[in-house]
Amino acid sequence: MSDVVFFDVMRQGLWLAVMISAPLLGAALLAGVTVGLFQALTSVQEMTLTFVPKVLAMLVVFWVSMSFMSGALVEYFRAQIIPLIIGG
């Protein structure tokens, strides 16, 4: 395998990782900003108040986008990794 092929497959794999992680990180960011704003407005400083909504939001987004994530990974392996394995 040449360097060009290796770096191209690596670049596509990293881009896929960004695409797969973006919904989860976006949900965590949105939940964190919302809870932080709520804490600033009400002066409630409870540590579990920051953790639990983020985890719940990430679980919901993961459950909703699970088919997209698995489909993207399967397509990446089918189009990129498996031909490299078969081709040598």
C-alpha atoms as a PDB file:
ATOM      1  CA  MET A   1       0.000   0.000   0.000  1.00  0.00           C
ATOM      2  CA  SER A   2       1.411   3.374  -0.965  1.00  0.00           C
ATOM      3  CA  ASP A   3       1.597   6.401   1.265  1.00  0.00           C
ATOM      4  CA  VAL A   4      -1.043   8.237  -0.752  1.00  0.00           C
ATOM      5  CA  VAL A   5      -3.608   5.473  -0.273  1.00  0.00           C
ATOM      6  CA  PHE A   6      -2.808   5.188   3.421  1.00  0.00           C
ATOM      7  CA  PHE A   7      -3.194   8.909   4.055  1.00  0.00           C
ATOM      8  CA  ASP A   8      -6.384   9.080   1.983  1.00  0.00           C
ATOM      9  CA  VAL A   9      -7.985   6.249   3.957  1.00  0.00           C
ATOM     10  CA  MET A  10      -6.796   7.841   7.206  1.00  0.00           C
ATOM     11  CA  ARG A  11      -8.236  11.222   6.181  1.00  0.00           C
ATOM     12  CA  GLN A  12     -11.592   9.675   5.338  1.00  0.00           C
ATOM     13  CA  GLY A  13     -11.609   7.744   8.611  1.00  0.00           C
ATOM     14  CA  LEU A  14     -10.915  10.884  10.629  1.00  0.00           C
ATOM     15  CA  TRP A  15     -13.637  12.778   8.780  1.00  0.00           C
ATOM     16  CA  LEU A  16     -16.047   9.924   9.505  1.00  0.00           C
ATOM     17  CA  ALA A  17     -15.113  10.102  13.193  1.00  0.00           C
ATOM     18  CA  VAL A  18     -15.907  13.819  13.182  1.00  0.00           C
ATOM     19  CA  MET A  19     -19.256  13.230  11.468  1.00  0.00           C
ATOM     20  CA  ILE A  20     -20.215  10.468  13.886  1.00  0.00           C
ATOM     21  CA  SER A  21     -19.216  12.371  17.012  1.00  0.00           C
ATOM     22  CA  ALA A  22     -20.736  15.723  15.990  1.00  0.00           C
ATOM     23  CA  PRO A  23     -24.357  14.975  17.045  1.00  0.00           C
ATOM     24  CA  LEU A  24     -23.258  13.700  20.461  1.00  0.00           C
ATOM     25  CA  LEU A  25     -20.919  16.617  21.079  1.00  0.00           C
ATOM     26  CA  GLY A  26     -23.541  19.078  19.880  1.00  0.00           C
ATOM     27  CA  ALA A  27     -26.106  17.648  22.270  1.00  0.00           C
ATOM     28  CA  ALA A  28     -23.628  17.840  25.160  1.00  0.00           C
ATOM     29  CA  LEU A  29     -22.783  21.435  24.250  1.00  0.00           C
ATOM     30  CA  LEU A  30     -26.424  22.469  24.009  1.00  0.00           C
ATOM     31  CA  ALA A  31     -27.327  20.766  27.292  1.00  0.00           C
ATOM     32  CA  GLY A  32     -24.284  22.274  29.020  1.00  0.00           C
ATOM     33  CA  VAL A  33     -25.075  25.805  27.877  1.00  0.00           C
ATOM     34  CA  THR A  34     -28.731  25.418  28.858  1.00  0.00           C
ATOM     35  CA  VAL A  35     -27.909  24.077  32.319  1.00  0.00           C
ATOM     36  CA  GLY A  36     -25.187  26.692  32.801  1.00  0.00           C
ATOM     37  CA  LEU A  37     -27.623  29.457  31.917  1.00  0.00           C
ATOM     38  CA  PHE A  38     -30.202  27.981  34.302  1.00  0.00           C
ATOM     39  CA  GLN A  39     -27.604  27.791  37.078  1.00  0.00           C
ATOM     40  CA  ALA A  40     -26.495  31.372  36.478  1.00  0.00           C
ATOM     41  CA  LEU A  41     -30.060  32.672  36.523  1.00  0.00           C
ATOM     42  CA  THR A  42     -31.152  30.776  39.644  1.00  0.00           C
ATOM     43  CA  SER A  43     -27.846  30.657  41.584  1.00  0.00           C
ATOM     44  CA  VAL A  44     -28.243  26.888  42.007  1.00  0.00           C
ATOM     45  CA  GLN A  45     -24.781  25.314  42.083  1.00  0.00           C
ATOM     46  CA  GLU A  46     -25.433  21.589  42.170  1.00  0.00           C
ATOM     47  CA  MET A  47     -22.850  19.313  40.522  1.00  0.00           C
ATOM     48  CA  THR A  48     -25.335  16.621  39.517  1.00  0.00           C
ATOM     49  CA  LEU A  49     -27.410  19.252  37.750  1.00  0.00           C
ATOM     50  CA  THR A  50     -24.616  19.676  35.190  1.00  0.00           C
ATOM     51  CA  PHE A  51     -23.885  15.969  34.714  1.00  0.00           C
ATOM     52  CA  VAL A  52     -27.284  14.268  34.479  1.00  0.00           C
ATOM     53  CA  PRO A  53     -28.868  16.423  31.723  1.00  0.00           C
ATOM     54  CA  LYS A  54     -25.758  16.081  29.555  1.00  0.00           C
ATOM     55  CA  VAL A  55     -25.758  12.303  29.885  1.00  0.00           C
ATOM     56  CA  LEU A  56     -29.497  12.081  29.196  1.00  0.00           C
ATOM     57  CA  ALA A  57     -29.236  14.353  26.158  1.00  0.00           C
ATOM     58  CA  MET A  58     -26.327  12.341  24.789  1.00  0.00           C
ATOM     59  CA  LEU A  59     -28.187   9.053  25.336  1.00  0.00           C
ATOM     60  CA  VAL A  60     -31.246  10.358  23.489  1.00  0.00           C
ATOM     61  CA  VAL A  61     -29.180  11.664  20.579  1.00  0.00           C
ATOM     62  CA  PHE A  62     -27.194   8.428  20.452  1.00  0.00           C
ATOM     63  CA  TRP A  63     -30.385   6.388  20.357  1.00  0.00           C
ATOM     64  CA  VAL A  64     -31.861   8.568  17.595  1.00  0.00           C
ATOM     65  CA  SER A  65     -28.707   8.677  15.444  1.00  0.00           C
ATOM     66  CA  MET A  66     -27.563   5.103  15.992  1.00  0.00           C
ATOM     67  CA  SER A  67     -28.722   3.965  12.547  1.00  0.00           C
ATOM     68  CA  PHE A  68     -26.831   6.828  10.872  1.00  0.00           C
ATOM     69  CA  MET A  69     -23.668   6.025  12.819  1.00  0.00           C
ATOM     70  CA  SER A  70     -23.700   2.315  12.123  1.00  0.00           C
ATOM     71  CA  GLY A  71     -24.641   2.860   8.481  1.00  0.00           C
ATOM     72  CA  ALA A  72     -21.798   5.311   7.980  1.00  0.00           C
ATOM     73  CA  LEU A  73     -19.285   2.934   9.582  1.00  0.00           C
ATOM     74  CA  VAL A  74     -20.503  -0.021   7.528  1.00  0.00           C
ATOM     75  CA  GLU A  75     -20.300   1.997   4.323  1.00  0.00           C
ATOM     76  CA  TYR A  76     -16.792   3.202   5.176  1.00  0.00           C
ATOM     77  CA  PHE A  77     -15.579  -0.335   5.812  1.00  0.00           C
ATOM     78  CA  ARG A  78     -17.358  -1.671   2.733  1.00  0.00           C
ATOM     79  CA  ALA A  79     -15.977   1.033   0.436  1.00  0.00           C
ATOM     80  CA  GLN A  80     -12.500   1.624   1.874  1.00  0.00           C
ATOM     81  CA  ILE A  81     -11.151  -0.951   4.304  1.00  0.00           C
ATOM     82  CA  ILE A  82     -12.393  -4.253   2.873  1.00  0.00           C
ATOM     83  CA  PRO A  83     -11.073  -3.578  -0.676  1.00  0.00           C
ATOM     84  CA  LEU A  84      -7.668  -2.796   0.832  1.00  0.00           C
ATOM     85  CA  ILE A  85      -7.717  -6.078   2.753  1.00  0.00           C
ATOM     86  CA  ILE A  86      -8.806  -8.089  -0.267  1.00  0.00           C
ATOM     87  CA  GLY A  87      -6.410  -6.305  -2.624  1.00  0.00           C
ATOM     88  CA  GLY A  88      -3.454  -6.995  -0.394  1.00  0.00           C
END
